[in-house]
Amino acid sequence: MPPQVHLQMADATQLPYGDRCFDVVITVHVLHLICEWQQAIAEIRRVLKPSGVYLYGYGERVTSARHSFELRWAQILAELGFEPQQVGANAEQVEAFLWAQGAHGQQVTAAEWQTTFTAQALFEQYAQRCYSSSWSVPEAIFQAAIARLQAWFQDTYPNPNAVLLGESRFQMLLARYPTDGYRP
């Protein structure tokens, strides 16, 4: 790592930095995991210099076979009486919150790419709880749900090595707050 880069682990809702000390703050794939995401954004605003920019990065699937897995997973959990709760914010909520707080800016597609993976690899990601949507599922419900997902997967994809194609993109929302009447 370059010597000018300093890593520090901290609570995003209580950043251990002074007011107005950063030119840029970047978050990538994290606000959907923070219950108090509005407070995290308030902290970002507090530590940004008046002319600073906040870069909110997130991935977006344009097309994906994962969508059919997501729908089936949600259906199975509902059948088992479990309703997953959204923890943090999705991109639309973050953008709406930033604009409501007076920020202005633009959305930029930073990269676009084709995705390829096998049906088996996608199932294994669910089985290994790789997705945050499965983290809060109690173990007994998870085991029952993953067994049902596996049965559906085997019926839907008789060839587990079938290659599934998709398109993804990485989005950056560039936000600046007005400098007149600046308040941390």
N, C-alpha and C. Protein backbone atom coordinates (compact mmCIF):
# COMPACT_ATOMS: atom_id res chain seq x y z
N MET A 1 0.83 -1.18 0.00
CA MET A 1 0.00 0.00 0.00
C MET A 1 0.88 1.25 0.00
N PRO A 2 0.45 2.27 -0.71
CA PRO A 2 1.23 3.51 -0.70
C PRO A 2 1.34 4.07 0.72
N PRO A 3 2.45 4.71 1.05
CA PRO A 3 2.64 5.21 2.41
C PRO A 3 1.63 6.28 2.82
N GLN A 4 1.05 6.97 1.85
CA GLN A 4 0.09 8.02 2.20
C GLN A 4 -1.31 7.46 2.51
N VAL A 5 -1.49 6.15 2.34
CA VAL A 5 -2.78 5.53 2.64
C VAL A 5 -2.73 5.00 4.07
N HIS A 6 -3.73 5.37 4.83
CA HIS A 6 -3.83 4.94 6.22
C HIS A 6 -5.17 4.26 6.42
N LEU A 7 -5.17 3.04 6.87
CA LEU A 7 -6.41 2.31 7.13
C LEU A 7 -6.74 2.37 8.61
N GLN A 8 -8.01 2.58 8.89
CA GLN A 8 -8.45 2.58 10.28
C GLN A 8 -9.85 1.99 10.33
N MET A 9 -10.07 1.06 11.25
CA MET A 9 -11.39 0.50 11.43
C MET A 9 -12.14 1.37 12.42
N ALA A 10 -13.38 1.74 12.05
CA ALA A 10 -14.17 2.61 12.91
C ALA A 10 -15.65 2.40 12.64
N ASP A 11 -16.46 2.87 13.54
CA ASP A 11 -17.90 2.86 13.41
C ASP A 11 -18.29 3.96 12.42
N ALA A 12 -18.95 3.59 11.33
CA ALA A 12 -19.31 4.57 10.30
C ALA A 12 -20.28 5.63 10.82
N THR A 13 -20.96 5.36 11.91
CA THR A 13 -21.90 6.34 12.45
C THR A 13 -21.26 7.28 13.47
N GLN A 14 -19.97 7.03 13.77
CA GLN A 14 -19.22 7.89 14.70
C GLN A 14 -17.76 7.91 14.25
N LEU A 15 -17.49 8.59 13.17
CA LEU A 15 -16.14 8.60 12.61
C LEU A 15 -15.17 9.32 13.54
N PRO A 16 -13.99 8.76 13.75
CA PRO A 16 -13.01 9.33 14.69
C PRO A 16 -12.15 10.43 14.04
N TYR A 17 -12.80 11.33 13.33
CA TYR A 17 -12.09 12.41 12.66
C TYR A 17 -12.77 13.73 12.96
N GLY A 18 -12.00 14.79 12.83
CA GLY A 18 -12.55 16.12 13.06
C GLY A 18 -13.46 16.56 11.93
N ASP A 19 -14.13 17.68 12.17
CA ASP A 19 -15.00 18.26 11.16
C ASP A 19 -14.17 18.77 9.98
N ARG A 20 -14.74 18.64 8.79
CA ARG A 20 -14.18 19.26 7.58
C ARG A 20 -12.71 18.92 7.32
N CYS A 21 -12.34 17.67 7.39
CA CYS A 21 -10.93 17.31 7.23
C CYS A 21 -10.62 16.51 5.96
N PHE A 22 -11.63 16.09 5.19
CA PHE A 22 -11.37 15.29 4.00
C PHE A 22 -11.90 15.96 2.75
N ASP A 23 -11.12 15.83 1.67
CA ASP A 23 -11.55 16.33 0.36
C ASP A 23 -12.54 15.38 -0.29
N VAL A 24 -12.35 14.09 -0.04
CA VAL A 24 -13.18 13.06 -0.66
C VAL A 24 -13.46 11.97 0.37
N VAL A 25 -14.70 11.49 0.36
CA VAL A 25 -15.06 10.30 1.14
C VAL A 25 -15.68 9.33 0.14
N ILE A 26 -15.25 8.07 0.22
CA ILE A 26 -15.73 7.04 -0.69
C ILE A 26 -16.32 5.89 0.14
N THR A 27 -17.50 5.46 -0.23
CA THR A 27 -18.04 4.22 0.32
C THR A 27 -18.40 3.32 -0.86
N VAL A 28 -18.15 2.04 -0.71
CA VAL A 28 -18.46 1.07 -1.77
C VAL A 28 -19.07 -0.16 -1.12
N HIS A 29 -20.25 -0.51 -1.56
CA HIS A 29 -20.92 -1.74 -1.10
C HIS A 29 -21.00 -1.84 0.42
N VAL A 30 -21.38 -0.77 1.10
CA VAL A 30 -21.42 -0.85 2.56
C VAL A 30 -22.72 -0.31 3.17
N LEU A 31 -23.34 0.71 2.59
CA LEU A 31 -24.50 1.32 3.24
C LEU A 31 -25.69 0.37 3.33
N HIS A 32 -25.74 -0.65 2.50
CA HIS A 32 -26.82 -1.62 2.62
C HIS A 32 -26.65 -2.52 3.84
N LEU A 33 -25.48 -2.43 4.50
CA LEU A 33 -25.20 -3.24 5.68
C LEU A 33 -25.30 -2.47 7.00
N ILE A 34 -25.59 -1.18 6.93
CA ILE A 34 -25.59 -0.33 8.13
C ILE A 34 -27.02 0.09 8.46
N CYS A 35 -27.51 -0.35 9.63
CA CYS A 35 -28.87 0.00 10.06
C CYS A 35 -29.07 1.51 10.10
N GLU A 36 -28.12 2.20 10.68
CA GLU A 36 -28.23 3.65 10.83
C GLU A 36 -27.48 4.36 9.70
N TRP A 37 -27.82 4.00 8.47
CA TRP A 37 -27.12 4.53 7.31
C TRP A 37 -27.27 6.04 7.17
N GLN A 38 -28.40 6.61 7.62
CA GLN A 38 -28.56 8.07 7.55
C GLN A 38 -27.53 8.76 8.45
N GLN A 39 -27.26 8.17 9.62
CA GLN A 39 -26.25 8.73 10.52
C GLN A 39 -24.86 8.59 9.90
N ALA A 40 -24.61 7.50 9.19
CA ALA A 40 -23.33 7.33 8.52
C ALA A 40 -23.14 8.44 7.47
N ILE A 41 -24.19 8.75 6.73
CA ILE A 41 -24.10 9.82 5.74
C ILE A 41 -23.92 11.17 6.43
N ALA A 42 -24.57 11.38 7.57
CA ALA A 42 -24.38 12.62 8.33
C ALA A 42 -22.91 12.75 8.76
N GLU A 43 -22.30 11.64 9.14
CA GLU A 43 -20.88 11.66 9.52
C GLU A 43 -20.00 11.97 8.31
N ILE A 44 -20.35 11.42 7.18
CA ILE A 44 -19.61 11.71 5.95
C ILE A 44 -19.67 13.21 5.67
N ARG A 45 -20.86 13.76 5.78
CA ARG A 45 -21.01 15.19 5.53
C ARG A 45 -20.19 16.01 6.55
N ARG A 46 -20.18 15.56 7.79
CA ARG A 46 -19.45 16.29 8.83
C ARG A 46 -17.95 16.33 8.54
N VAL A 47 -17.38 15.21 8.09
CA VAL A 47 -15.93 15.17 7.89
C VAL A 47 -15.48 15.71 6.54
N LEU A 48 -16.42 15.95 5.64
CA LEU A 48 -16.06 16.51 4.34
C LEU A 48 -15.79 18.01 4.45
N LYS A 49 -14.78 18.46 3.74
CA LYS A 49 -14.55 19.89 3.61
C LYS A 49 -15.73 20.49 2.84
N PRO A 50 -15.99 21.78 3.01
CA PRO A 50 -17.13 22.38 2.29
C PRO A 50 -17.09 22.16 0.78
N SER A 51 -15.93 22.06 0.19
CA SER A 51 -15.83 21.84 -1.25
C SER A 51 -15.64 20.36 -1.59
N GLY A 52 -15.77 19.48 -0.59
CA GLY A 52 -15.49 18.05 -0.77
C GLY A 52 -16.56 17.33 -1.57
N VAL A 53 -16.21 16.13 -1.94
CA VAL A 53 -17.14 15.30 -2.71
C VAL A 53 -17.28 13.94 -2.03
N TYR A 54 -18.50 13.45 -2.04
CA TYR A 54 -18.80 12.11 -1.54
C TYR A 54 -19.04 11.22 -2.74
N LEU A 55 -18.31 10.10 -2.81
CA LEU A 55 -18.47 9.12 -3.87
C LEU A 55 -19.11 7.87 -3.28
N TYR A 56 -20.32 7.59 -3.72
CA TYR A 56 -21.06 6.41 -3.26
C TYR A 56 -21.02 5.39 -4.40
N GLY A 57 -20.34 4.27 -4.18
CA GLY A 57 -20.21 3.26 -5.22
C GLY A 57 -21.01 2.01 -4.90
N TYR A 58 -21.59 1.44 -5.95
CA TYR A 58 -22.36 0.21 -5.79
C TYR A 58 -22.44 -0.53 -7.11
N GLY A 59 -22.60 -1.83 -7.02
CA GLY A 59 -22.76 -2.65 -8.21
C GLY A 59 -24.21 -2.79 -8.57
N GLU A 60 -24.44 -3.03 -9.82
CA GLU A 60 -25.81 -3.17 -10.30
C GLU A 60 -25.82 -4.27 -11.36
N ARG A 61 -26.72 -5.22 -11.20
CA ARG A 61 -26.86 -6.25 -12.22
C ARG A 61 -27.88 -5.77 -13.24
N VAL A 62 -27.46 -5.68 -14.49
CA VAL A 62 -28.37 -5.27 -15.56
C VAL A 62 -29.24 -6.45 -15.94
N THR A 63 -28.60 -7.57 -16.20
CA THR A 63 -29.29 -8.83 -16.44
C THR A 63 -28.52 -9.90 -15.68
N SER A 64 -29.24 -10.85 -15.14
CA SER A 64 -28.54 -11.86 -14.36
C SER A 64 -29.44 -13.06 -14.12
N ALA A 65 -28.83 -14.23 -14.23
CA ALA A 65 -29.54 -15.45 -13.86
C ALA A 65 -29.76 -15.49 -12.35
N ARG A 66 -28.99 -14.71 -11.62
CA ARG A 66 -29.13 -14.67 -10.16
C ARG A 66 -30.53 -14.21 -9.76
N HIS A 67 -31.18 -13.44 -10.64
CA HIS A 67 -32.52 -12.94 -10.33
C HIS A 67 -33.49 -14.09 -10.05
N SER A 68 -33.42 -15.16 -10.84
CA SER A 68 -34.34 -16.29 -10.61
C SER A 68 -34.02 -16.97 -9.28
N PHE A 69 -32.73 -17.02 -8.89
CA PHE A 69 -32.36 -17.56 -7.59
C PHE A 69 -32.90 -16.67 -6.47
N GLU A 70 -32.77 -15.36 -6.63
CA GLU A 70 -33.25 -14.42 -5.61
C GLU A 70 -34.75 -14.56 -5.39
N LEU A 71 -35.49 -14.64 -6.50
CA LEU A 71 -36.96 -14.78 -6.39
C LEU A 71 -37.33 -16.08 -5.70
N ARG A 72 -36.68 -17.17 -6.09
CA ARG A 72 -36.99 -18.46 -5.48
C ARG A 72 -36.60 -18.48 -4.01
N TRP A 73 -35.44 -17.89 -3.67
CA TRP A 73 -34.98 -17.83 -2.28
C TRP A 73 -35.99 -17.06 -1.43
N ALA A 74 -36.45 -15.92 -1.90
CA ALA A 74 -37.43 -15.12 -1.16
C ALA A 74 -38.74 -15.89 -0.99
N GLN A 75 -39.15 -16.59 -2.03
CA GLN A 75 -40.39 -17.38 -1.96
C GLN A 75 -40.25 -18.50 -0.93
N ILE A 76 -39.13 -19.18 -0.93
CA ILE A 76 -38.90 -20.28 0.02
C ILE A 76 -38.92 -19.74 1.45
N LEU A 77 -38.22 -18.63 1.70
CA LEU A 77 -38.21 -18.06 3.05
C LEU A 77 -39.62 -17.67 3.49
N ALA A 78 -40.40 -17.10 2.58
CA ALA A 78 -41.79 -16.73 2.91
C ALA A 78 -42.61 -17.98 3.24
N GLU A 79 -42.43 -19.06 2.48
CA GLU A 79 -43.13 -20.31 2.75
C GLU A 79 -42.78 -20.85 4.13
N LEU A 80 -41.54 -20.59 4.58
CA LEU A 80 -41.09 -21.05 5.89
C LEU A 80 -41.42 -20.05 7.00
N GLY A 81 -42.11 -18.98 6.64
CA GLY A 81 -42.55 -18.00 7.63
C GLY A 81 -41.50 -16.99 8.04
N PHE A 82 -40.46 -16.84 7.23
CA PHE A 82 -39.41 -15.87 7.57
C PHE A 82 -39.40 -14.75 6.55
N GLU A 83 -39.46 -13.54 7.04
CA GLU A 83 -39.44 -12.36 6.20
C GLU A 83 -38.15 -11.59 6.46
N PRO A 84 -37.16 -11.68 5.53
CA PRO A 84 -35.92 -10.95 5.76
C PRO A 84 -36.18 -9.44 5.79
N GLN A 85 -35.49 -8.78 6.68
CA GLN A 85 -35.62 -7.33 6.81
C GLN A 85 -34.43 -6.66 6.14
N GLN A 86 -34.72 -5.59 5.42
CA GLN A 86 -33.63 -4.81 4.83
C GLN A 86 -32.86 -4.15 5.97
N VAL A 87 -31.56 -4.29 5.96
CA VAL A 87 -30.72 -3.75 7.03
C VAL A 87 -30.46 -2.28 6.81
N GLY A 88 -29.85 -1.96 5.69
CA GLY A 88 -29.46 -0.59 5.39
C GLY A 88 -30.26 -0.05 4.23
N ALA A 89 -29.58 0.71 3.38
CA ALA A 89 -30.25 1.39 2.28
C ALA A 89 -29.82 0.84 0.93
N ASN A 90 -30.74 0.89 -0.01
CA ASN A 90 -30.37 0.57 -1.39
C ASN A 90 -29.97 1.88 -2.09
N ALA A 91 -29.51 1.76 -3.31
CA ALA A 91 -28.99 2.93 -4.03
C ALA A 91 -30.03 4.03 -4.19
N GLU A 92 -31.26 3.67 -4.47
CA GLU A 92 -32.30 4.67 -4.66
C GLU A 92 -32.56 5.45 -3.36
N GLN A 93 -32.54 4.74 -2.24
CA GLN A 93 -32.75 5.41 -0.95
C GLN A 93 -31.60 6.35 -0.62
N VAL A 94 -30.37 5.92 -0.90
CA VAL A 94 -29.21 6.77 -0.64
C VAL A 94 -29.30 8.03 -1.49
N GLU A 95 -29.56 7.86 -2.76
CA GLU A 95 -29.65 9.01 -3.66
C GLU A 95 -30.75 9.98 -3.21
N ALA A 96 -31.92 9.47 -2.90
CA ALA A 96 -33.02 10.33 -2.46
C ALA A 96 -32.65 11.07 -1.17
N PHE A 97 -31.99 10.39 -0.26
CA PHE A 97 -31.59 11.02 1.01
C PHE A 97 -30.58 12.13 0.75
N LEU A 98 -29.58 11.86 -0.09
CA LEU A 98 -28.57 12.88 -0.39
C LEU A 98 -29.21 14.12 -1.01
N TRP A 99 -30.11 13.93 -1.96
CA TRP A 99 -30.73 15.08 -2.62
C TRP A 99 -31.62 15.83 -1.64
N ALA A 100 -32.32 15.10 -0.77
CA ALA A 100 -33.17 15.75 0.25
C ALA A 100 -32.33 16.56 1.24
N GLN A 101 -31.08 16.16 1.43
CA GLN A 101 -30.17 16.88 2.33
C GLN A 101 -29.47 18.05 1.64
N GLY A 102 -29.83 18.33 0.40
CA GLY A 102 -29.27 19.46 -0.32
C GLY A 102 -28.08 19.16 -1.20
N ALA A 103 -27.67 17.91 -1.26
CA ALA A 103 -26.55 17.56 -2.13
C ALA A 103 -26.98 17.65 -3.59
N HIS A 104 -26.01 17.80 -4.44
CA HIS A 104 -26.27 17.77 -5.88
C HIS A 104 -25.12 17.01 -6.52
N GLY A 105 -25.33 16.51 -7.70
CA GLY A 105 -24.27 15.75 -8.34
C GLY A 105 -24.77 14.95 -9.50
N GLN A 106 -24.06 13.89 -9.77
CA GLN A 106 -24.42 13.06 -10.92
C GLN A 106 -24.07 11.61 -10.66
N GLN A 107 -24.70 10.77 -11.46
CA GLN A 107 -24.40 9.34 -11.39
C GLN A 107 -23.55 8.99 -12.61
N VAL A 108 -22.51 8.20 -12.38
CA VAL A 108 -21.59 7.83 -13.44
C VAL A 108 -21.46 6.31 -13.47
N THR A 109 -21.53 5.76 -14.66
CA THR A 109 -21.24 4.33 -14.81
C THR A 109 -19.74 4.21 -14.96
N ALA A 110 -19.09 3.67 -13.96
CA ALA A 110 -17.64 3.58 -13.95
C ALA A 110 -17.13 2.38 -14.74
N ALA A 111 -17.92 1.31 -14.80
CA ALA A 111 -17.49 0.11 -15.54
C ALA A 111 -18.70 -0.75 -15.85
N GLU A 112 -18.62 -1.46 -16.95
CA GLU A 112 -19.64 -2.44 -17.34
C GLU A 112 -18.92 -3.70 -17.79
N TRP A 113 -19.50 -4.87 -17.47
CA TRP A 113 -18.84 -6.11 -17.84
C TRP A 113 -19.85 -7.24 -17.94
N GLN A 114 -19.42 -8.28 -18.64
CA GLN A 114 -20.20 -9.51 -18.74
C GLN A 114 -19.85 -10.40 -17.55
N THR A 115 -20.84 -11.05 -17.01
CA THR A 115 -20.58 -12.01 -15.93
C THR A 115 -20.86 -13.41 -16.45
N THR A 116 -20.06 -14.34 -16.03
CA THR A 116 -20.29 -15.75 -16.33
C THR A 116 -19.98 -16.56 -15.08
N PHE A 117 -20.84 -17.48 -14.79
CA PHE A 117 -20.62 -18.40 -13.68
C PHE A 117 -21.50 -19.60 -13.93
N THR A 118 -21.20 -20.67 -13.25
CA THR A 118 -22.02 -21.87 -13.42
C THR A 118 -23.20 -21.81 -12.45
N ALA A 119 -24.22 -22.57 -12.78
CA ALA A 119 -25.38 -22.66 -11.90
C ALA A 119 -24.95 -23.21 -10.55
N GLN A 120 -24.04 -24.18 -10.56
CA GLN A 120 -23.55 -24.77 -9.31
C GLN A 120 -22.85 -23.72 -8.45
N ALA A 121 -22.02 -22.88 -9.06
CA ALA A 121 -21.30 -21.84 -8.32
C ALA A 121 -22.29 -20.86 -7.69
N LEU A 122 -23.34 -20.53 -8.41
CA LEU A 122 -24.34 -19.61 -7.85
C LEU A 122 -25.06 -20.25 -6.68
N PHE A 123 -25.45 -21.51 -6.80
CA PHE A 123 -26.09 -22.20 -5.68
C PHE A 123 -25.16 -22.22 -4.47
N GLU A 124 -23.88 -22.51 -4.69
CA GLU A 124 -22.93 -22.58 -3.59
C GLU A 124 -22.78 -21.24 -2.86
N GLN A 125 -22.93 -20.14 -3.58
CA GLN A 125 -22.88 -18.84 -2.92
C GLN A 125 -24.03 -18.69 -1.94
N TYR A 126 -25.20 -19.20 -2.30
CA TYR A 126 -26.32 -19.19 -1.36
C TYR A 126 -26.05 -20.13 -0.19
N ALA A 127 -25.56 -21.31 -0.49
CA ALA A 127 -25.31 -22.31 0.55
C ALA A 127 -24.27 -21.84 1.55
N GLN A 128 -23.33 -21.00 1.11
CA GLN A 128 -22.27 -20.50 1.99
C GLN A 128 -22.62 -19.15 2.62
N ARG A 129 -23.87 -18.71 2.47
CA ARG A 129 -24.34 -17.43 3.05
C ARG A 129 -23.48 -16.25 2.60
N CYS A 130 -23.13 -16.25 1.34
CA CYS A 130 -22.31 -15.14 0.82
C CYS A 130 -23.10 -13.84 0.73
N TYR A 131 -24.39 -13.93 0.56
CA TYR A 131 -25.22 -12.73 0.38
C TYR A 131 -25.78 -12.26 1.71
N SER A 132 -25.72 -10.97 1.93
CA SER A 132 -26.17 -10.40 3.20
C SER A 132 -27.64 -10.70 3.48
N SER A 133 -28.42 -10.96 2.45
CA SER A 133 -29.84 -11.28 2.66
C SER A 133 -30.04 -12.58 3.43
N SER A 134 -29.00 -13.39 3.55
CA SER A 134 -29.13 -14.65 4.29
C SER A 134 -28.53 -14.58 5.69
N TRP A 135 -27.84 -13.53 6.02
CA TRP A 135 -27.12 -13.46 7.28
C TRP A 135 -28.03 -13.49 8.50
N SER A 136 -29.22 -12.92 8.39
CA SER A 136 -30.11 -12.86 9.56
C SER A 136 -31.08 -14.04 9.64
N VAL A 137 -30.99 -14.96 8.69
CA VAL A 137 -31.89 -16.12 8.69
C VAL A 137 -31.43 -17.08 9.78
N PRO A 138 -32.31 -17.41 10.74
CA PRO A 138 -31.93 -18.36 11.79
C PRO A 138 -31.47 -19.69 11.18
N GLU A 139 -30.55 -20.35 11.84
CA GLU A 139 -29.91 -21.55 11.30
C GLU A 139 -30.91 -22.63 10.90
N ALA A 140 -31.90 -22.90 11.74
CA ALA A 140 -32.86 -23.96 11.42
C ALA A 140 -33.65 -23.62 10.15
N ILE A 141 -34.06 -22.38 10.03
CA ILE A 141 -34.80 -21.95 8.83
C ILE A 141 -33.85 -21.96 7.62
N PHE A 142 -32.62 -21.52 7.83
CA PHE A 142 -31.66 -21.51 6.73
C PHE A 142 -31.45 -22.92 6.18
N GLN A 143 -31.26 -23.90 7.06
CA GLN A 143 -31.02 -25.27 6.61
C GLN A 143 -32.21 -25.81 5.82
N ALA A 144 -33.43 -25.54 6.30
CA ALA A 144 -34.62 -25.97 5.56
C ALA A 144 -34.72 -25.25 4.22
N ALA A 145 -34.42 -23.96 4.22
CA ALA A 145 -34.52 -23.16 3.00
C ALA A 145 -33.47 -23.59 1.98
N ILE A 146 -32.26 -23.84 2.42
CA ILE A 146 -31.21 -24.21 1.47
C ILE A 146 -31.48 -25.59 0.87
N ALA A 147 -32.11 -26.48 1.65
CA ALA A 147 -32.49 -27.80 1.11
C ALA A 147 -33.53 -27.63 0.01
N ARG A 148 -34.50 -26.74 0.23
CA ARG A 148 -35.52 -26.48 -0.80
C ARG A 148 -34.92 -25.79 -2.01
N LEU A 149 -34.00 -24.87 -1.77
CA LEU A 149 -33.35 -24.19 -2.89
C LEU A 149 -32.54 -25.19 -3.70
N GLN A 150 -31.88 -26.12 -3.03
CA GLN A 150 -31.10 -27.13 -3.74
C GLN A 150 -32.00 -28.01 -4.60
N ALA A 151 -33.15 -28.40 -4.08
CA ALA A 151 -34.09 -29.22 -4.87
C ALA A 151 -34.56 -28.44 -6.09
N TRP A 152 -34.91 -27.16 -5.90
CA TRP A 152 -35.33 -26.32 -7.03
C TRP A 152 -34.19 -26.18 -8.04
N PHE A 153 -32.99 -25.93 -7.53
CA PHE A 153 -31.81 -25.77 -8.38
C PHE A 153 -31.58 -27.01 -9.23
N GLN A 154 -31.66 -28.19 -8.61
CA GLN A 154 -31.41 -29.43 -9.34
C GLN A 154 -32.49 -29.69 -10.39
N ASP A 155 -33.75 -29.30 -10.09
CA ASP A 155 -34.83 -29.45 -11.08
C ASP A 155 -34.69 -28.43 -12.21
N THR A 156 -34.29 -27.22 -11.87
CA THR A 156 -34.21 -26.14 -12.85
C THR A 156 -32.96 -26.23 -13.71
N TYR A 157 -31.88 -26.69 -13.14
CA TYR A 157 -30.60 -26.78 -13.85
C TYR A 157 -30.09 -28.22 -13.80
N PRO A 158 -30.62 -29.10 -14.65
CA PRO A 158 -30.17 -30.50 -14.64
C PRO A 158 -28.66 -30.63 -14.87
N ASN A 159 -28.10 -29.67 -15.60
CA ASN A 159 -26.65 -29.65 -15.78
C ASN A 159 -26.11 -28.56 -14.85
N PRO A 160 -25.55 -28.94 -13.69
CA PRO A 160 -25.09 -27.94 -12.74
C PRO A 160 -23.93 -27.09 -13.26
N ASN A 161 -23.28 -27.57 -14.34
CA ASN A 161 -22.18 -26.80 -14.91
C ASN A 161 -22.63 -25.88 -16.04
N ALA A 162 -23.94 -25.72 -16.18
CA ALA A 162 -24.46 -24.79 -17.19
C ALA A 162 -23.92 -23.39 -16.90
N VAL A 163 -23.46 -22.74 -17.94
CA VAL A 163 -22.91 -21.39 -17.78
C VAL A 163 -24.04 -20.39 -17.85
N LEU A 164 -24.10 -19.54 -16.85
CA LEU A 164 -25.12 -18.51 -16.76
C LEU A 164 -24.47 -17.17 -17.08
N LEU A 165 -25.06 -16.44 -18.00
CA LEU A 165 -24.51 -15.17 -18.43
C LEU A 165 -25.28 -14.01 -17.82
N GLY A 166 -24.61 -12.90 -17.69
CA GLY A 166 -25.26 -11.71 -17.20
C GLY A 166 -24.45 -10.47 -17.55
N GLU A 167 -25.00 -9.34 -17.23
CA GLU A 167 -24.32 -8.07 -17.43
C GLU A 167 -24.40 -7.29 -16.13
N SER A 168 -23.29 -6.71 -15.74
CA SER A 168 -23.24 -5.91 -14.52
C SER A 168 -22.57 -4.58 -14.81
N ARG A 169 -22.77 -3.67 -13.89
CA ARG A 169 -22.07 -2.39 -14.00
C ARG A 169 -21.80 -1.86 -12.59
N PHE A 170 -20.76 -1.05 -12.51
CA PHE A 170 -20.41 -0.41 -11.26
C PHE A 170 -20.77 1.05 -11.40
N GLN A 171 -21.60 1.53 -10.48
CA GLN A 171 -22.09 2.90 -10.51
C GLN A 171 -21.40 3.72 -9.42
N MET A 172 -21.15 4.96 -9.73
CA MET A 172 -20.64 5.92 -8.74
C MET A 172 -21.59 7.11 -8.73
N LEU A 173 -22.07 7.43 -7.56
CA LEU A 173 -22.86 8.63 -7.38
C LEU A 173 -21.92 9.67 -6.79
N LEU A 174 -21.68 10.75 -7.52
CA LEU A 174 -20.79 11.83 -7.09
C LEU A 174 -21.66 12.92 -6.50
N ALA A 175 -21.52 13.19 -5.22
CA ALA A 175 -22.38 14.16 -4.54
C ALA A 175 -21.55 15.25 -3.88
N ARG A 176 -22.01 16.46 -4.03
CA ARG A 176 -21.43 17.62 -3.34
C ARG A 176 -22.55 18.33 -2.61
N TYR A 177 -22.20 18.86 -1.46
CA TYR A 177 -23.14 19.67 -0.71
C TYR A 177 -22.90 21.14 -1.03
N PRO A 178 -23.93 21.97 -0.96
CA PRO A 178 -23.71 23.39 -1.21
C PRO A 178 -22.74 23.97 -0.19
N THR A 179 -21.86 24.86 -0.63
CA THR A 179 -20.86 25.44 0.27
C THR A 179 -21.40 26.65 1.02
N ASP A 180 -22.45 27.27 0.50
CA ASP A 180 -23.03 28.42 1.23
C ASP A 180 -23.88 27.89 2.38
N GLY A 181 -23.76 28.48 3.53
CA GLY A 181 -24.51 28.01 4.71
C GLY A 181 -24.07 26.63 5.14
N TYR A 182 -22.80 26.30 4.93
CA TYR A 182 -22.28 24.97 5.27
C TYR A 182 -22.50 24.66 6.74
N ARG A 183 -22.96 23.44 6.98
CA ARG A 183 -23.12 22.98 8.36
C ARG A 183 -22.70 21.53 8.40
N PRO A 184 -21.88 21.17 9.38
CA PRO A 184 -21.47 19.76 9.48
C PRO A 184 -22.61 18.91 10.00
